[in-house]
């Protein structure tokens, strides 16, 4: 992260976001190899937790910055059927110079369905894109070298 910004100038403990969604078939366990049908899949719930965390952070950062995922520790505690409404709440509970920790809570009409902690790093967008470009360039060089070896 660029040393020029201080997270506390843009974010604060308790800052939060909430989003609600109706569980659709594309969100269901049917899309995975398992024995359960028509239930909210854990990966989709985690996706929604990530979306809520981004909503709690990114709109408040300077334009050149964004948050990226570092880690998640999440427990999916109860099943949710198709057609039920899920609400996910993300709240900032801690910050360092470079990252933000959020508490995640999720529930449907019947009560809690999940909770956990999510950590996001605050990064300069340009730096991340440059690093990705460099990694891609190195991969292409390695692949080209392997093709040359194969021709010998």
C-alpha atoms as a PDB file:
ATOM      1  CA  UNK A   1       0.000   0.000   0.000  1.00  0.00           C
ATOM      2  CA  UNK A   2       1.127   3.530  -0.705  1.00  0.00           C
ATOM      3  CA  UNK A   3       2.370   5.132   2.520  1.00  0.00           C
ATOM      4  CA  UNK A   4       0.553   8.360   1.616  1.00  0.00           C
ATOM      5  CA  UNK A   5      -2.884   7.270   2.829  1.00  0.00           C
ATOM      6  CA  UNK A   6      -3.979   6.378   6.319  1.00  0.00           C
ATOM      7  CA  UNK A   7      -6.903   3.947   6.471  1.00  0.00           C
ATOM      8  CA  UNK A   8      -8.428   5.705   9.465  1.00  0.00           C
ATOM      9  CA  UNK A   9      -8.921   8.771   7.242  1.00  0.00           C
ATOM     10  CA  UNK A  10     -11.371   6.740   5.126  1.00  0.00           C
ATOM     11  CA  UNK A  11     -12.634   3.818   7.224  1.00  0.00           C
ATOM     12  CA  UNK A  12     -13.747   3.363  10.816  1.00  0.00           C
ATOM     13  CA  UNK A  13     -14.486   0.573  13.264  1.00  0.00           C
ATOM     14  CA  UNK A  14     -18.200  -0.208  13.076  1.00  0.00           C
ATOM     15  CA  UNK A  15     -18.527   0.868   9.445  1.00  0.00           C
ATOM     16  CA  UNK A  16     -20.749  -1.726   7.795  1.00  0.00           C
ATOM     17  CA  UNK A  17     -22.873  -2.833   4.886  1.00  0.00           C
ATOM     18  CA  UNK A  18     -25.786  -5.184   4.520  1.00  0.00           C
ATOM     19  CA  UNK A  19     -27.298  -6.908   1.509  1.00  0.00           C
ATOM     20  CA  UNK A  20     -30.273  -9.225   1.057  1.00  0.00           C
ATOM     21  CA  UNK A  21     -30.856 -11.770  -1.694  1.00  0.00           C
ATOM     22  CA  UNK A  22     -33.484 -14.361  -2.483  1.00  0.00           C
ATOM     23  CA  UNK A  23     -31.909 -17.805  -2.925  1.00  0.00           C
ATOM     24  CA  UNK A  24     -32.237 -18.858  -6.581  1.00  0.00           C
ATOM     25  CA  UNK A  25     -31.389 -22.131  -8.286  1.00  0.00           C
ATOM     26  CA  UNK A  26     -27.996 -20.772  -9.407  1.00  0.00           C
ATOM     27  CA  UNK A  27     -27.149 -20.319  -5.690  1.00  0.00           C
ATOM     28  CA  UNK A  28     -28.030 -23.913  -4.800  1.00  0.00           C
ATOM     29  CA  UNK A  29     -26.134 -27.012  -3.817  1.00  0.00           C
ATOM     30  CA  UNK A  30     -27.435 -28.682  -7.005  1.00  0.00           C
ATOM     31  CA  UNK A  31     -24.460 -27.053  -8.763  1.00  0.00           C
ATOM     32  CA  UNK A  32     -22.012 -29.191  -6.763  1.00  0.00           C
ATOM     33  CA  UNK A  33     -21.471 -32.929  -6.516  1.00  0.00           C
ATOM     34  CA  UNK A  34     -23.338 -33.767  -3.335  1.00  0.00           C
ATOM     35  CA  UNK A  35     -26.496 -35.408  -2.052  1.00  0.00           C
ATOM     36  CA  UNK A  36     -28.400 -32.214  -1.241  1.00  0.00           C
ATOM     37  CA  UNK A  37     -30.763 -30.408  -3.566  1.00  0.00           C
ATOM     38  CA  UNK A  38     -32.337 -26.942  -3.534  1.00  0.00           C
ATOM     39  CA  UNK A  39     -30.345 -25.574  -0.594  1.00  0.00           C
ATOM     40  CA  UNK A  40     -28.090 -22.523  -0.468  1.00  0.00           C
ATOM     41  CA  UNK A  41     -24.531 -23.599  -1.278  1.00  0.00           C
ATOM     42  CA  UNK A  42     -21.783 -22.535   1.132  1.00  0.00           C
ATOM     43  CA  UNK A  43     -19.573 -21.081  -1.654  1.00  0.00           C
ATOM     44  CA  UNK A  44     -22.451 -18.792  -2.690  1.00  0.00           C
ATOM     45  CA  UNK A  45     -22.983 -17.641   0.894  1.00  0.00           C
ATOM     46  CA  UNK A  46     -19.262 -16.878   1.172  1.00  0.00           C
ATOM     47  CA  UNK A  47     -19.465 -15.012  -2.152  1.00  0.00           C
ATOM     48  CA  UNK A  48     -22.232 -12.864  -0.675  1.00  0.00           C
ATOM     49  CA  UNK A  49     -20.123 -12.253   2.451  1.00  0.00           C
ATOM     50  CA  UNK A  50     -17.270 -11.051   0.246  1.00  0.00           C
ATOM     51  CA  UNK A  51     -19.653  -8.787  -1.682  1.00  0.00           C
ATOM     52  CA  UNK A  52     -20.921  -7.240   1.569  1.00  0.00           C
ATOM     53  CA  UNK A  53     -17.362  -6.682   2.813  1.00  0.00           C
ATOM     54  CA  UNK A  54     -16.426  -4.909  -0.427  1.00  0.00           C
ATOM     55  CA  UNK A  55     -19.553  -2.763  -0.110  1.00  0.00           C
ATOM     56  CA  UNK A  56     -18.501  -1.805   3.449  1.00  0.00           C
ATOM     57  CA  UNK A  57     -14.993  -0.742   2.365  1.00  0.00           C
ATOM     58  CA  UNK A  58     -14.382   0.110  -1.275  1.00  0.00           C
ATOM     59  CA  UNK A  59     -16.822   3.009  -1.833  1.00  0.00           C
ATOM     60  CA  UNK A  60     -14.995   4.958   0.898  1.00  0.00           C
ATOM     61  CA  UNK A  61     -11.436   4.502  -0.416  1.00  0.00           C
ATOM     62  CA  UNK A  62      -9.645   6.934  -2.735  1.00  0.00           C
ATOM     63  CA  UNK A  63     -10.305   6.123  -6.397  1.00  0.00           C
ATOM     64  CA  UNK A  64      -6.864   4.538  -6.937  1.00  0.00           C
ATOM     65  CA  UNK A  65      -7.359   2.017  -4.109  1.00  0.00           C
ATOM     66  CA  UNK A  66      -9.431  -1.121  -3.602  1.00  0.00           C
ATOM     67  CA  UNK A  67      -9.700  -3.986  -1.146  1.00  0.00           C
ATOM     68  CA  UNK A  68      -8.649  -7.525  -2.028  1.00  0.00           C
ATOM     69  CA  UNK A  69      -9.260 -10.735  -0.130  1.00  0.00           C
ATOM     70  CA  UNK A  70      -6.631 -12.056   2.266  1.00  0.00           C
ATOM     71  CA  UNK A  71      -8.469 -14.669   4.307  1.00  0.00           C
ATOM     72  CA  UNK A  72     -11.843 -15.897   5.426  1.00  0.00           C
ATOM     73  CA  UNK A  73     -12.888 -18.040   8.364  1.00  0.00           C
ATOM     74  CA  UNK A  74     -16.568 -18.803   7.942  1.00  0.00           C
ATOM     75  CA  UNK A  75     -19.018 -21.288   9.449  1.00  0.00           C
ATOM     76  CA  UNK A  76     -22.233 -22.150   7.584  1.00  0.00           C
ATOM     77  CA  UNK A  77     -24.492 -23.108  10.477  1.00  0.00           C
ATOM     78  CA  UNK A  78     -27.940 -23.853   8.996  1.00  0.00           C
ATOM     79  CA  UNK A  79     -29.557 -24.782   5.663  1.00  0.00           C
ATOM     80  CA  UNK A  80     -31.566 -22.280   3.621  1.00  0.00           C
ATOM     81  CA  UNK A  81     -34.048 -23.384   0.945  1.00  0.00           C
ATOM     82  CA  UNK A  82     -34.686 -21.906  -2.485  1.00  0.00           C
ATOM     83  CA  UNK A  83     -36.928 -18.850  -2.305  1.00  0.00           C
ATOM     84  CA  UNK A  84     -35.845 -17.810   1.179  1.00  0.00           C
ATOM     85  CA  UNK A  85     -34.255 -14.392   1.694  1.00  0.00           C
ATOM     86  CA  UNK A  86     -30.704 -14.270   3.012  1.00  0.00           C
ATOM     87  CA  UNK A  87     -29.276 -11.138   4.588  1.00  0.00           C
ATOM     88  CA  UNK A  88     -25.529 -10.725   5.032  1.00  0.00           C
ATOM     89  CA  UNK A  89     -24.035  -8.058   7.287  1.00  0.00           C
ATOM     90  CA  UNK A  90     -20.334  -7.101   7.164  1.00  0.00           C
ATOM     91  CA  UNK A  91     -18.918  -4.813   9.856  1.00  0.00           C
ATOM     92  CA  UNK A  92     -15.360  -3.529  10.273  1.00  0.00           C
ATOM     93  CA  UNK A  93     -14.018  -4.713  13.626  1.00  0.00           C
ATOM     94  CA  UNK A  94     -10.260  -4.060  13.259  1.00  0.00           C
ATOM     95  CA  UNK A  95      -7.754  -2.251  11.048  1.00  0.00           C
ATOM     96  CA  UNK A  96      -4.000  -2.138  10.640  1.00  0.00           C
ATOM     97  CA  UNK A  97      -1.986   0.091   8.324  1.00  0.00           C
ATOM     98  CA  UNK A  98      -2.685  -2.272   5.417  1.00  0.00           C
ATOM     99  CA  UNK A  99      -5.709  -4.434   6.096  1.00  0.00           C
ATOM    100  CA  UNK A 100      -9.231  -4.530   7.454  1.00  0.00           C
ATOM    101  CA  UNK A 101     -10.958  -7.306   9.424  1.00  0.00           C
ATOM    102  CA  UNK A 102     -14.719  -7.620   9.181  1.00  0.00           C
ATOM    103  CA  UNK A 103     -17.237  -9.599  11.196  1.00  0.00           C
ATOM    104  CA  UNK A 104     -19.712 -11.374   8.935  1.00  0.00           C
ATOM    105  CA  UNK A 105     -23.191 -12.454  10.029  1.00  0.00           C
ATOM    106  CA  UNK A 106     -25.763 -14.105   7.779  1.00  0.00           C
ATOM    107  CA  UNK A 107     -29.386 -15.024   8.427  1.00  0.00           C
ATOM    108  CA  UNK A 108     -32.628 -15.988   6.706  1.00  0.00           C
ATOM    109  CA  UNK A 109     -36.256 -15.754   7.854  1.00  0.00           C
ATOM    110  CA  UNK A 110     -35.641 -18.517  10.421  1.00  0.00           C
ATOM    111  CA  UNK A 111     -32.490 -17.083  12.046  1.00  0.00           C
ATOM    112  CA  UNK A 112     -28.728 -17.295  11.786  1.00  0.00           C
ATOM    113  CA  UNK A 113     -27.268 -19.357   8.941  1.00  0.00           C
ATOM    114  CA  UNK A 114     -23.601 -18.377   9.188  1.00  0.00           C
ATOM    115  CA  UNK A 115     -20.926 -16.198  10.723  1.00  0.00           C
ATOM    116  CA  UNK A 116     -17.224 -15.562  10.481  1.00  0.00           C
ATOM    117  CA  UNK A 117     -14.318 -13.218   9.970  1.00  0.00           C
ATOM    118  CA  UNK A 118     -13.061 -11.862   6.682  1.00  0.00           C
ATOM    119  CA  UNK A 119      -9.793  -9.978   6.165  1.00  0.00           C
ATOM    120  CA  UNK A 120      -9.135  -7.681   3.184  1.00  0.00           C
ATOM    121  CA  UNK A 121      -5.955  -5.829   2.207  1.00  0.00           C
ATOM    122  CA  UNK A 122      -6.134  -2.268   0.962  1.00  0.00           C
ATOM    123  CA  UNK A 123      -4.061  -1.971  -2.195  1.00  0.00           C
ATOM    124  CA  UNK A 124      -3.167   0.434  -4.953  1.00  0.00           C
ATOM    125  CA  UNK A 125      -5.096  -0.888  -7.969  1.00  0.00           C
ATOM    126  CA  UNK A 126      -2.279  -0.084 -10.396  1.00  0.00           C
ATOM    127  CA  UNK A 127       0.277  -2.064  -8.346  1.00  0.00           C
ATOM    128  CA  UNK A 128      -1.926  -5.192  -8.305  1.00  0.00           C
ATOM    129  CA  UNK A 129      -2.547  -4.979 -12.053  1.00  0.00           C
ATOM    130  CA  UNK A 130       1.184  -4.501 -12.737  1.00  0.00           C
ATOM    131  CA  UNK A 131       2.048  -7.525 -10.592  1.00  0.00           C
ATOM    132  CA  UNK A 132      -0.576  -9.650 -12.392  1.00  0.00           C
ATOM    133  CA  UNK A 133       0.777  -8.512 -15.758  1.00  0.00           C
ATOM    134  CA  UNK A 134       4.341  -9.401 -14.717  1.00  0.00           C
ATOM    135  CA  UNK A 135       3.267 -12.861 -13.520  1.00  0.00           C
ATOM    136  CA  UNK A 136       1.475 -13.461 -16.837  1.00  0.00           C
ATOM    137  CA  UNK A 137       4.543 -12.299 -18.778  1.00  0.00           C
ATOM    138  CA  UNK A 138       6.779 -14.694 -16.818  1.00  0.00           C
ATOM    139  CA  UNK A 139       4.356 -17.562 -17.440  1.00  0.00           C
ATOM    140  CA  UNK A 140       4.388 -16.887 -21.192  1.00  0.00           C
ATOM    141  CA  UNK A 141       8.197 -16.841 -21.194  1.00  0.00           C
ATOM    142  CA  UNK A 142       8.299 -20.146 -19.304  1.00  0.00           C
ATOM    143  CA  UNK A 143       5.796 -21.726 -21.696  1.00  0.00           C
ATOM    144  CA  UNK A 144       7.783 -20.517 -24.714  1.00  0.00           C
ATOM    145  CA  UNK A 145      10.991 -21.944 -23.241  1.00  0.00           C
ATOM    146  CA  UNK A 146       9.278 -25.309 -22.668  1.00  0.00           C
ATOM    147  CA  UNK A 147       8.075 -25.347 -26.282  1.00  0.00           C
ATOM    148  CA  UNK A 148      11.628 -24.681 -27.503  1.00  0.00           C
ATOM    149  CA  UNK A 149      12.904 -27.561 -25.316  1.00  0.00           C
ATOM    150  CA  UNK A 150      10.261 -29.878 -26.778  1.00  0.00           C
ATOM    151  CA  UNK A 151      11.410 -29.020 -30.323  1.00  0.00           C
ATOM    152  CA  UNK A 152      15.025 -29.926 -29.586  1.00  0.00           C
END
